[in-house]
């Protein structure tokens, strides 16, 4: 009986042990399954840091450049074209000769008019002499009549001759004046055979050819004055209080997508269009060194509000879900956390973060679509340098653009010029992220394995990046710091040797990463 009880007890123990093992295996398996989530291949991403910089809200409108003056030049006589002295694109001054035309026929008319004027002058001179003689005869006849030496009939005949000669003199004067007018008209027609520019500007259109017949009032050229150029836009009535004459504006054009041009509001129409509810505003485009031309299509940005110290991140870093905006924040070198943010101004490819982030916080910019809390990532590139300038992106509802006075320097660009300053900012950012998560010592040691595992899987080649990771881990773990400092003493050139740095990271991972998981 005792033997039976002993055998039953042993069997129960064996069964319980087997059950415990299987349960333990399941628990271990669950743990391993959970661990596999953190140890699976990390997601490759790009990231940047939140920085403070100027950001503005803008009025925007599309525009087409216009010349301040545009003149069509027409022929005033009909004749054949002899020579063309300018071409399209030529700069001409006011009064400069553009075309000479065949003037033989008109010159003949001019010569005839000149001869007729000379004849009229001779006839007038002859009439003057005759009139003078008649006046003398009439004066003498009057004296003789007073002395009763001639009859009244003779006196009347002398007076009539004097009056007739006087009328002949006046007719001669009018004939000379008419001949002079005909000569002036002929001279004017002769001058019209030379077409000259009425203004200074650039020839933008030539409509005649050498040897072709030009008719009266036919257009021959178009000349435009490009200094300055004008831009006309139409803004909503509700924004009228935001603009004023002399206010600066920024212009961008499709022909020069990387350049910004400056303008100034020159005129504001005093009336509002009742149909569209807009006001016409004319801007003067400042000196452009010949880059811009009339007819170019562009976009005008007028800054109406600027925040000098706004917290800014790339717009592509923001994901919108259920009417909420969120970003993925790098809590340490390889783990991300989903963070809700409140946005402010949007300026081209950048957006202002009103709340949810702090200056220097690292956020994922590319590759965040498939991420979630606690996911492991491998940062392939930090984009702080590539995001140095704000590029506008026009929209119908109005966009924001870096204003003419928004030249605040990106602190991260300055930091990346100095390696030591960059490492300091990166370490501070990681320490702040760790404080937010409230990591304990044990969790930090487990994170060491994830950090190094993600780095090794990522095939890291940049010694600077590996030094940053080692510096960060040394600050959090005194044991790692001892190993790191000992390796530096043994090999002073370690920091510039990517292969030796990888070996050191592998050693740290084996000693402080795996045995803690």
Protein backbone atom coordinates (compact mmCIF):
# COMPACT_ATOMS: atom_id res chain seq x y z
CA UNK A 1 0.00 0.00 0.00
CA UNK A 2 2.81 2.36 0.96
CA UNK A 3 4.61 1.52 -2.28
CA UNK A 4 1.48 2.36 -4.28
CA UNK A 5 1.08 5.71 -2.50
CA UNK A 6 4.75 6.46 -3.08
CA UNK A 7 4.49 5.71 -6.79
CA UNK A 8 1.31 7.84 -7.07
CA UNK A 9 3.00 10.74 -5.29
CA UNK A 10 6.04 10.57 -7.56
CA UNK A 11 3.83 10.43 -10.64
CA UNK A 12 1.92 13.47 -9.46
CA UNK A 13 5.15 15.35 -8.89
CA UNK A 14 6.40 14.41 -12.33
CA UNK A 15 3.09 15.50 -13.87
CA UNK A 16 3.11 18.76 -11.96
CA UNK A 17 6.70 19.41 -13.00
CA UNK A 18 5.88 18.68 -16.62
CA UNK A 19 2.85 20.93 -16.43
CA UNK A 20 4.98 23.66 -14.85
CA UNK A 21 7.53 23.31 -17.58
CA UNK A 22 4.90 23.52 -20.27
CA UNK A 23 3.31 26.50 -18.52
CA UNK A 24 6.72 28.08 -18.14
CA UNK A 25 7.39 27.43 -21.78
CA UNK A 26 4.18 29.17 -22.62
CA UNK A 27 5.04 32.05 -20.36
CA UNK A 28 8.53 32.16 -21.78
CA UNK A 29 7.10 31.86 -25.22
CA UNK A 30 4.78 34.76 -24.50
CA UNK A 31 7.68 36.75 -23.16
CA UNK A 32 9.76 35.86 -26.14
CA UNK A 33 6.87 36.78 -28.39
CA UNK A 34 6.56 40.12 -26.65
CA UNK A 35 10.29 40.60 -26.83
CA UNK A 36 10.31 39.78 -30.50
CA UNK A 37 8.24 42.90 -31.07
CA UNK A 38 11.09 45.01 -29.84
CA UNK A 39 13.85 42.91 -31.31
CA UNK A 40 12.36 42.52 -34.77
CA UNK A 41 13.98 44.46 -37.66
CA UNK A 42 13.79 48.19 -36.99
CA UNK A 43 12.03 50.62 -39.37
CA UNK A 44 14.35 52.90 -41.33
CA UNK A 45 13.34 56.56 -40.99
CA UNK A 46 14.60 60.10 -41.39
CA UNK A 47 14.31 62.63 -38.58
CA UNK A 48 14.92 66.22 -37.63
CA UNK A 49 14.70 68.47 -34.58
CA UNK A 50 12.10 71.07 -33.68
CA UNK A 51 13.68 74.51 -33.95
CA UNK A 52 12.69 78.09 -33.28
CA UNK A 53 12.56 80.41 -36.24
CA UNK A 54 10.45 83.17 -37.78
CA UNK A 55 7.24 82.10 -39.47
CA UNK A 56 4.62 84.31 -41.11
CA UNK A 57 1.04 84.34 -42.31
CA UNK A 58 0.67 85.66 -45.84
CA UNK A 59 -1.87 86.96 -48.28
CA UNK A 60 -1.35 85.21 -51.59
CA UNK A 61 -2.46 85.94 -55.11
CA UNK A 62 -1.41 84.87 -58.57
CA UNK A 63 -0.20 87.56 -60.92
CA UNK A 64 1.12 88.24 -64.41
CA UNK A 65 3.85 90.82 -64.83
CA UNK A 66 3.13 93.91 -66.90
CA UNK A 67 5.37 96.59 -68.32
CA UNK A 68 4.90 100.05 -66.84
CA UNK A 69 4.54 101.33 -70.43
CA UNK A 70 3.64 99.47 -73.60
CA UNK A 71 3.47 101.38 -76.89
CA UNK A 72 2.48 100.19 -80.34
CA UNK A 73 4.35 102.08 -83.09
CA UNK A 74 2.40 102.66 -86.33
CA UNK A 75 3.50 103.90 -89.73
CA UNK A 76 2.25 107.37 -90.67
CA UNK A 77 2.98 107.12 -94.39
CA UNK A 78 2.68 104.36 -96.92
CA UNK A 79 6.00 103.30 -98.42
CA UNK A 80 8.40 100.41 -98.93
CA UNK A 81 10.75 99.44 -96.07
CA UNK A 82 14.37 100.12 -96.94
CA UNK A 83 16.17 99.05 -93.75
CA UNK A 84 15.40 97.83 -90.22
CA UNK A 85 17.95 98.95 -87.64
CA UNK A 86 16.72 97.05 -84.54
CA UNK A 87 15.40 93.60 -83.71
CA UNK A 88 13.20 92.10 -81.01
CA UNK A 89 14.97 92.31 -77.67
CA UNK A 90 16.94 95.44 -78.59
CA UNK A 91 16.99 98.22 -76.05
CA UNK A 92 16.21 101.59 -77.65
CA UNK A 93 16.19 105.15 -76.39
CA UNK A 94 13.50 107.73 -76.94
CA UNK A 95 13.83 109.17 -80.46
CA UNK A 96 16.16 106.40 -81.70
CA UNK A 97 15.82 105.53 -85.40
CA UNK A 98 14.21 102.13 -85.96
CA UNK A 99 13.32 101.95 -89.69
CA UNK A 100 14.04 103.89 -92.88
CA UNK A 101 11.51 103.79 -95.71
CA UNK A 102 11.64 104.62 -99.41
CA UNK A 103 11.19 108.41 -99.51
CA UNK A 104 11.69 109.19 -103.21
CA UNK A 105 8.07 110.05 -103.95
CA UNK A 106 7.61 112.04 -100.76
CA UNK A 107 10.91 113.82 -101.29
CA UNK A 108 9.72 114.91 -104.76
CA UNK A 109 6.62 116.39 -103.16
CA UNK A 110 8.81 118.11 -100.63
CA UNK A 111 10.99 119.60 -103.37
CA UNK A 112 7.92 120.83 -105.25
CA UNK A 113 6.56 122.42 -102.09
CA UNK A 114 9.86 124.12 -101.45
CA UNK A 115 9.92 125.51 -105.01
CA UNK A 116 6.32 126.69 -104.66
CA UNK A 117 7.27 128.52 -101.49
CA UNK A 118 10.13 130.22 -103.27
CA UNK A 119 7.77 131.32 -106.07
CA UNK A 120 5.24 132.58 -103.58
CA UNK A 121 7.97 134.57 -101.89
CA UNK A 122 8.91 136.21 -105.21
CA UNK A 123 5.28 136.99 -106.03
CA UNK A 124 4.85 138.50 -102.60
CA UNK A 125 7.90 140.63 -103.06
CA UNK A 126 6.62 141.83 -106.45
CA UNK A 127 3.20 142.62 -104.96
CA UNK A 128 4.87 144.52 -102.18
CA UNK A 129 6.78 146.72 -104.60
CA UNK A 130 3.64 147.37 -106.64
CA UNK A 131 1.61 148.20 -103.55
CA UNK A 132 4.29 150.58 -102.36
CA UNK A 133 4.26 152.39 -105.71
CA UNK A 134 0.48 152.64 -105.64
CA UNK A 135 0.57 154.16 -102.18
CA UNK A 136 2.98 156.85 -103.41
CA UNK A 137 0.76 157.61 -106.44
CA UNK A 138 -2.30 157.80 -104.23
CA UNK A 139 -0.58 160.23 -101.81
CA UNK A 140 0.49 162.49 -104.69
CA UNK A 141 -2.97 162.39 -106.25
CA UNK A 142 -4.45 163.54 -102.96
CA UNK A 143 -2.11 166.55 -102.86
CA UNK A 144 -2.96 167.43 -106.47
CA UNK A 145 -6.66 167.15 -105.74
CA UNK A 146 -6.29 169.54 -102.83
CA UNK A 147 -4.57 171.99 -105.17
CA UNK A 148 -7.32 171.34 -107.75
CA UNK A 149 -4.74 170.31 -110.30
CA UNK A 150 -6.51 167.00 -111.13
CA UNK A 151 -10.13 166.12 -111.43
CA UNK A 152 -11.98 164.03 -108.86
CA UNK A 153 -12.33 161.25 -111.40
CA UNK A 154 -8.53 160.97 -111.73
CA UNK A 155 -8.21 160.93 -107.96
CA UNK A 156 -10.77 158.11 -107.63
CA UNK A 157 -8.99 156.07 -110.28
CA UNK A 158 -5.66 156.43 -108.41
CA UNK A 159 -7.32 155.41 -105.11
CA UNK A 160 -8.83 152.32 -106.72
CA UNK A 161 -5.48 151.25 -108.14
CA UNK A 162 -3.90 151.69 -104.71
CA UNK A 163 -6.55 149.55 -103.05
CA UNK A 164 -6.22 146.85 -105.69
CA UNK A 165 -2.44 146.69 -105.27
CA UNK A 166 -2.89 146.50 -101.50
CA UNK A 167 -5.21 143.52 -101.93
CA UNK A 168 -2.65 141.91 -104.23
CA UNK A 169 -0.05 142.28 -101.47
CA UNK A 170 -2.27 140.49 -98.96
CA UNK A 171 -3.01 137.75 -101.47
CA UNK A 172 0.70 137.30 -102.01
CA UNK A 173 1.23 136.98 -98.26
CA UNK A 174 -1.45 134.31 -98.00
CA UNK A 175 -0.02 132.44 -100.98
CA UNK A 176 3.38 132.42 -99.34
CA UNK A 177 1.89 131.19 -96.07
CA UNK A 178 0.07 128.41 -97.92
CA UNK A 179 3.23 127.40 -99.74
CA UNK A 180 5.09 127.34 -96.43
CA UNK A 181 2.40 125.12 -94.91
CA UNK A 182 2.59 122.74 -97.86
CA UNK A 183 6.35 122.62 -97.47
CA UNK A 184 6.03 121.89 -93.74
CA UNK A 185 3.55 119.09 -94.50
CA UNK A 186 5.88 117.65 -97.11
CA UNK A 187 8.75 117.86 -94.66
CA UNK A 188 6.66 116.09 -92.03
CA UNK A 189 5.81 113.33 -94.48
CA UNK A 190 9.48 113.06 -95.31
CA UNK A 191 10.29 112.71 -91.60
CA UNK A 192 7.66 110.00 -91.27
CA UNK A 193 9.69 107.83 -93.63
CA UNK A 194 12.02 107.41 -90.64
CA UNK A 195 10.26 105.54 -87.81
CA UNK A 196 11.60 106.42 -84.38
CA UNK A 197 10.88 105.11 -80.89
CA UNK A 198 8.51 107.31 -78.86
CA UNK A 199 9.84 105.98 -75.51
CA UNK A 200 12.89 104.28 -74.07
CA UNK A 201 12.43 100.54 -73.68
CA UNK A 202 12.83 97.14 -75.26
CA UNK A 203 11.52 96.08 -78.66
CA UNK A 204 9.19 93.18 -77.93
CA UNK A 205 7.58 92.79 -81.35
CA UNK A 206 8.59 93.52 -84.96
CA UNK A 207 5.83 93.26 -87.56
CA UNK A 208 7.49 94.41 -90.80
CA UNK A 209 10.13 93.11 -93.18
CA UNK A 210 12.70 94.78 -95.41
CA UNK A 211 11.19 95.35 -98.86
CA UNK A 212 7.64 95.04 -97.63
CA UNK A 213 5.01 97.67 -98.26
CA UNK A 214 3.84 99.48 -95.16
CA UNK A 215 0.44 101.17 -95.24
CA UNK A 216 -0.63 104.22 -93.33
CA UNK A 217 -1.49 103.39 -89.67
CA UNK A 218 -0.07 99.88 -89.98
CA UNK A 219 1.61 98.65 -86.75
CA UNK A 220 5.32 98.14 -87.16
CA UNK A 221 6.77 97.61 -83.64
CA UNK A 222 5.85 97.18 -80.00
CA UNK A 223 8.16 98.71 -77.43
CA UNK A 224 7.83 98.22 -73.65
CA UNK A 225 9.44 99.92 -70.69
CA UNK A 226 10.56 97.28 -68.15
CA UNK A 227 11.79 99.66 -65.46
CA UNK A 228 9.99 99.00 -63.32
CA UNK A 229 7.61 96.09 -63.90
CA UNK A 230 4.12 96.11 -62.46
CA UNK A 231 2.20 93.30 -60.82
CA UNK A 232 -1.56 93.57 -60.39
CA UNK A 233 -3.36 91.40 -57.86
CA UNK A 234 -6.86 91.24 -56.40
CA UNK A 235 -7.26 90.73 -52.66
CA UNK A 236 -10.43 90.04 -50.66
CA UNK A 237 -12.22 93.04 -49.22
CA UNK A 238 -11.87 91.67 -45.67
CA UNK A 239 -8.06 91.87 -45.93
CA UNK A 240 -8.03 95.51 -47.06
CA UNK A 241 -7.11 96.73 -43.57
CA UNK A 242 -3.96 94.53 -43.62
CA UNK A 243 -2.26 96.30 -46.54
CA UNK A 244 -0.95 99.81 -47.17
CA UNK A 245 0.91 101.73 -49.85
CA UNK A 246 4.64 101.11 -49.60
CA UNK A 247 4.23 97.70 -47.95
CA UNK A 248 6.78 95.13 -49.07
CA UNK A 249 5.92 91.86 -50.78
CA UNK A 250 7.75 88.74 -51.98
CA UNK A 251 7.25 87.33 -55.47
CA UNK A 252 8.13 83.93 -56.93
CA UNK A 253 8.00 82.91 -60.56
CA UNK A 254 7.89 79.58 -62.35
CA UNK A 255 10.95 80.51 -64.41
CA UNK A 256 13.07 80.91 -61.24
CA UNK A 257 11.60 78.56 -58.60
CA UNK A 258 14.56 78.97 -56.25
CA UNK A 259 14.67 82.78 -56.35
CA UNK A 260 12.67 85.35 -54.43
CA UNK A 261 11.99 88.83 -55.79
CA UNK A 262 10.93 91.89 -53.86
CA UNK A 263 8.05 94.22 -54.61
CA UNK A 264 6.28 97.19 -53.08
CA UNK A 265 2.62 98.17 -53.10
CA UNK A 266 2.36 101.22 -55.36
CA UNK A 267 -1.39 101.76 -55.75
CA UNK A 268 -4.57 100.52 -54.06
CA UNK A 269 -7.75 100.98 -56.06
CA UNK A 270 -10.19 103.18 -54.12
CA UNK A 271 -13.20 101.03 -55.09
CA UNK A 272 -14.28 97.45 -54.39
CA UNK A 273 -15.49 95.27 -57.25
CA UNK A 274 -19.13 94.55 -56.26
CA UNK A 275 -19.21 91.27 -58.19
CA UNK A 276 -16.05 89.63 -56.82
CA UNK A 277 -15.69 91.55 -53.56
CA UNK A 278 -12.01 92.19 -54.29
CA UNK A 279 -9.76 95.23 -54.47
CA UNK A 280 -7.18 95.74 -57.21
CA UNK A 281 -3.68 96.32 -55.85
CA UNK A 282 -0.75 97.32 -58.05
CA UNK A 283 2.78 96.45 -56.96
CA UNK A 284 6.05 97.73 -58.30
CA UNK A 285 8.59 94.94 -58.75
CA UNK A 286 11.97 96.16 -57.60
CA UNK A 287 15.15 95.92 -59.69
CA UNK A 288 15.57 92.39 -61.07
CA UNK A 289 18.75 92.73 -63.21
CA UNK A 290 16.86 91.76 -66.34
CA UNK A 291 15.67 88.38 -65.06
CA UNK A 292 11.96 89.14 -65.17
CA UNK A 293 9.93 90.02 -68.23
CA UNK A 294 6.35 91.11 -68.91
CA UNK A 295 3.91 88.23 -69.18
CA UNK A 296 5.65 86.00 -66.61
CA UNK A 297 3.26 84.15 -64.32
CA UNK A 298 4.04 84.21 -60.63
CA UNK A 299 2.76 84.35 -57.08
CA UNK A 300 2.73 87.31 -54.71
CA UNK A 301 3.10 86.88 -50.95
CA UNK A 302 2.32 89.78 -48.62
CA UNK A 303 3.23 89.14 -44.99
CA UNK A 304 0.45 90.33 -42.66
CA UNK A 305 1.62 88.67 -39.42
CA UNK A 306 5.01 87.28 -38.29
CA UNK A 307 6.01 85.26 -35.23
CA UNK A 308 9.74 85.59 -34.71
CA UNK A 309 10.31 82.72 -32.25
CA UNK A 310 7.85 80.05 -33.38
CA UNK A 311 8.61 76.36 -32.80
CA UNK A 312 8.79 74.87 -36.31
CA UNK A 313 9.00 71.36 -37.78
CA UNK A 314 8.66 70.06 -41.36
CA UNK A 315 5.03 69.74 -42.40
CA UNK A 316 5.55 66.17 -43.61
CA UNK A 317 6.37 65.09 -40.06
CA UNK A 318 2.72 65.65 -39.04
CA UNK A 319 0.12 62.90 -39.45
CA UNK A 320 -3.59 63.70 -39.19
CA UNK A 321 -5.94 61.12 -37.73
CA UNK A 322 -9.49 61.56 -36.40
CA UNK A 323 -9.25 65.36 -36.57
CA UNK A 324 -6.06 65.27 -34.50
CA UNK A 325 -2.49 66.00 -35.49
CA UNK A 326 0.34 63.91 -34.14
CA UNK A 327 4.03 63.26 -34.67
CA UNK A 328 6.39 60.46 -33.69
CA UNK A 329 8.94 61.58 -31.14
CA UNK A 330 12.24 59.73 -30.72
CA UNK A 331 12.36 58.87 -27.03
CA UNK A 332 15.91 57.49 -27.29
CA UNK A 333 18.14 56.59 -30.19
CA UNK A 334 15.80 53.92 -31.54
CA UNK A 335 12.34 53.94 -29.89
CA UNK A 336 9.49 56.28 -30.90
CA UNK A 337 6.44 57.60 -29.08
CA UNK A 338 3.27 58.97 -30.63
CA UNK A 339 2.68 62.58 -29.55
CA UNK A 340 -0.38 64.78 -30.22
CA UNK A 341 0.44 68.35 -31.28
CA UNK A 342 -1.48 71.59 -31.81
CA UNK A 343 -0.48 73.45 -34.97
CA UNK A 344 -0.36 77.15 -35.76
CA UNK A 345 0.90 78.91 -38.91
CA UNK A 346 1.76 76.84 -41.96
CA UNK A 347 4.60 78.21 -44.05
CA UNK A 348 5.39 76.33 -47.22
CA UNK A 349 6.98 73.02 -46.18
CA UNK A 350 7.02 73.92 -42.49
CA UNK A 351 4.43 74.22 -39.75
CA UNK A 352 4.36 75.89 -36.36
CA UNK A 353 3.80 73.69 -33.29
CA UNK A 354 1.85 75.62 -30.66
CA UNK A 355 1.90 72.83 -28.06
CA UNK A 356 3.03 69.21 -27.76
CA UNK A 357 6.75 69.63 -28.46
CA UNK A 358 9.72 71.51 -27.08
CA UNK A 359 12.69 73.06 -28.83
CA UNK A 360 15.21 70.42 -29.85
CA UNK A 361 12.76 67.48 -29.71
CA UNK A 362 13.66 64.91 -32.40
CA UNK A 363 10.73 63.91 -34.64
CA UNK A 364 10.41 61.46 -37.52
CA UNK A 365 9.92 63.12 -40.90
CA UNK A 366 9.95 60.17 -43.35
CA UNK A 367 8.83 56.61 -42.69
CA UNK A 368 6.38 57.35 -39.87
CA UNK A 369 3.26 56.06 -41.64
CA UNK A 370 3.68 52.50 -40.33
CA UNK A 371 4.93 53.38 -36.85
CA UNK A 372 3.26 53.07 -33.47
CA UNK A 373 4.19 53.58 -29.81
CA UNK A 374 7.32 51.69 -28.79
CA UNK A 375 8.41 50.74 -32.29
CA UNK A 376 12.15 50.46 -32.91
CA UNK A 377 13.54 52.65 -35.69
CA UNK A 378 16.85 53.17 -37.40
CA UNK A 379 17.53 56.83 -38.21
CA UNK A 380 19.18 56.86 -41.62
CA UNK A 381 19.56 60.62 -41.87
CA UNK A 382 19.10 63.77 -39.81
CA UNK A 383 17.57 66.41 -42.08
CA UNK A 384 18.43 69.54 -40.13
CA UNK A 385 20.69 70.91 -42.89
CA UNK A 386 18.33 70.05 -45.75
CA UNK A 387 15.51 72.00 -44.19
CA UNK A 388 17.36 75.26 -43.97
CA UNK A 389 15.04 77.39 -46.08
CA UNK A 390 11.30 77.75 -46.32
CA UNK A 391 9.88 77.10 -49.75
CA UNK A 392 6.38 78.45 -50.42
CA UNK A 393 3.71 76.23 -51.89
CA UNK A 394 0.80 78.21 -53.27
CA UNK A 395 -2.77 77.33 -52.35
CA UNK A 396 -6.04 79.02 -53.09
CA UNK A 397 -6.90 79.54 -49.45
CA UNK A 398 -3.71 81.48 -48.70
CA UNK A 399 -0.30 80.27 -47.66
CA UNK A 400 2.53 81.35 -45.48
CA UNK A 401 5.99 82.19 -46.62
CA UNK A 402 9.19 83.32 -45.02
CA UNK A 403 8.95 87.08 -45.00
CA UNK A 404 11.58 89.53 -46.22
CA UNK A 405 12.65 90.09 -42.61
CA UNK A 406 12.50 86.40 -41.61
CA UNK A 407 16.20 85.67 -41.67
CA UNK A 408 16.49 83.93 -38.34
CA UNK A 409 19.32 81.45 -38.42
CA UNK A 410 18.57 77.81 -37.72
CA UNK A 411 20.47 76.94 -34.50
CA UNK A 412 20.89 73.34 -35.63
CA UNK A 413 22.61 74.47 -38.80
CA UNK A 414 25.12 76.34 -36.67
CA UNK A 415 25.43 73.37 -34.33
CA UNK A 416 26.23 70.98 -37.14
CA UNK A 417 29.13 73.19 -38.16
CA UNK A 418 30.62 72.38 -34.77
CA UNK A 419 30.72 68.65 -34.00
CA UNK A 420 31.08 69.05 -30.28
CA UNK A 421 28.04 71.36 -30.12
CA UNK A 422 26.01 68.88 -32.16
CA UNK A 423 26.80 66.02 -29.76
CA UNK A 424 25.84 68.17 -26.78
CA UNK A 425 22.44 69.07 -28.25
CA UNK A 426 21.73 65.49 -29.27
CA UNK A 427 22.66 64.14 -25.80
CA UNK A 428 20.48 66.75 -24.09
CA UNK A 429 17.57 65.86 -26.35
CA UNK A 430 17.91 62.16 -25.51
CA UNK A 431 18.19 62.80 -21.78
CA UNK A 432 15.05 64.92 -21.88
CA UNK A 433 13.20 62.20 -23.81
CA UNK A 434 14.32 59.58 -21.28
CA UNK A 435 13.06 61.75 -18.42
CA UNK A 436 9.64 62.01 -20.09
CA UNK A 437 9.38 58.23 -20.33
CA UNK A 438 10.54 57.82 -16.71
CA UNK A 439 12.95 55.06 -17.53
CA UNK A 440 14.25 53.04 -14.60
CA UNK A 441 17.73 51.54 -14.43
CA UNK A 442 16.59 48.10 -15.47
CA UNK A 443 14.66 49.46 -18.42
CA UNK A 444 17.69 51.52 -19.42
CA UNK A 445 19.86 48.42 -19.47
CA UNK A 446 17.29 46.58 -21.57
CA UNK A 447 17.13 49.61 -23.89
CA UNK A 448 20.90 49.34 -24.35
CA UNK A 449 20.43 46.03 -26.07
CA UNK A 450 17.71 47.45 -28.32
CA UNK A 451 19.77 50.50 -29.21
CA UNK A 452 22.85 48.49 -30.11
CA UNK A 453 20.81 45.80 -31.82
CA UNK A 454 19.06 48.37 -34.00
CA UNK A 455 22.35 50.10 -34.76
CA UNK A 456 24.08 46.85 -35.73
CA UNK A 457 21.18 45.73 -37.92
CA UNK A 458 21.16 49.13 -39.60
CA UNK A 459 24.72 48.57 -40.85
CA UNK A 460 25.88 51.85 -39.39
CA UNK A 461 28.86 53.33 -41.25
CA UNK A 462 29.12 56.84 -39.78
CA UNK A 463 31.73 57.08 -36.95
CA UNK A 464 30.17 60.36 -35.81
CA UNK A 465 26.80 58.68 -35.35
CA UNK A 466 28.33 55.74 -33.47
CA UNK A 467 30.27 58.10 -31.20
CA UNK A 468 27.05 59.91 -30.39
CA UNK A 469 25.36 56.63 -29.42
CA UNK A 470 28.31 55.55 -27.26
CA UNK A 471 28.45 58.97 -25.56
CA UNK A 472 24.73 58.82 -24.77
CA UNK A 473 24.93 55.29 -23.29
CA UNK A 474 28.03 56.18 -21.29
CA UNK A 475 26.21 59.03 -19.61
CA UNK A 476 23.40 56.70 -18.49
CA UNK A 477 25.43 53.63 -17.50
CA UNK A 478 28.67 53.92 -15.44
CA UNK A 479 29.72 50.38 -16.41
CA UNK A 480 29.51 51.18 -20.09
CA UNK A 481 31.44 54.39 -19.45
CA UNK A 482 34.27 52.41 -17.85
CA UNK A 483 34.46 50.02 -20.81
CA UNK A 484 34.32 52.95 -23.23
CA UNK A 485 37.06 54.93 -21.48
CA UNK A 486 39.25 51.83 -21.14
CA UNK A 487 38.94 51.18 -24.89
CA UNK A 488 39.92 54.80 -25.62
CA UNK A 489 43.03 54.48 -23.47
CA UNK A 490 44.10 51.30 -25.23
CA UNK A 491 43.39 52.68 -28.71
CA UNK A 492 43.58 56.51 -29.04
CA UNK A 493 42.50 56.33 -32.72
CA UNK A 494 39.31 54.47 -31.89
CA UNK A 495 36.97 57.44 -32.50
CA UNK A 496 37.91 57.73 -36.17
CA UNK A 497 37.85 53.99 -36.99
CA UNK A 498 34.34 52.84 -37.94
CA UNK A 499 35.26 49.14 -37.84
CA UNK A 500 36.75 49.33 -34.34
CA UNK A 501 33.75 51.32 -33.12
CA UNK A 502 31.42 48.59 -34.41
CA UNK A 503 33.47 45.95 -32.60
CA UNK A 504 33.25 47.97 -29.39
CA UNK A 505 29.49 48.34 -29.76
CA UNK A 506 29.18 44.58 -30.35
CA UNK A 507 31.18 43.93 -27.19
CA UNK A 508 29.00 46.31 -25.14
CA UNK A 509 25.90 44.69 -26.53
CA UNK A 510 27.08 41.23 -25.54
CA UNK A 511 27.99 42.33 -22.01
CA UNK A 512 25.22 44.78 -21.15
CA UNK A 513 22.46 44.08 -23.61
CA UNK A 514 21.62 40.40 -24.05
CA UNK A 515 22.32 39.24 -20.50
CA UNK A 516 19.83 41.84 -19.22
CA UNK A 517 16.91 40.87 -21.41
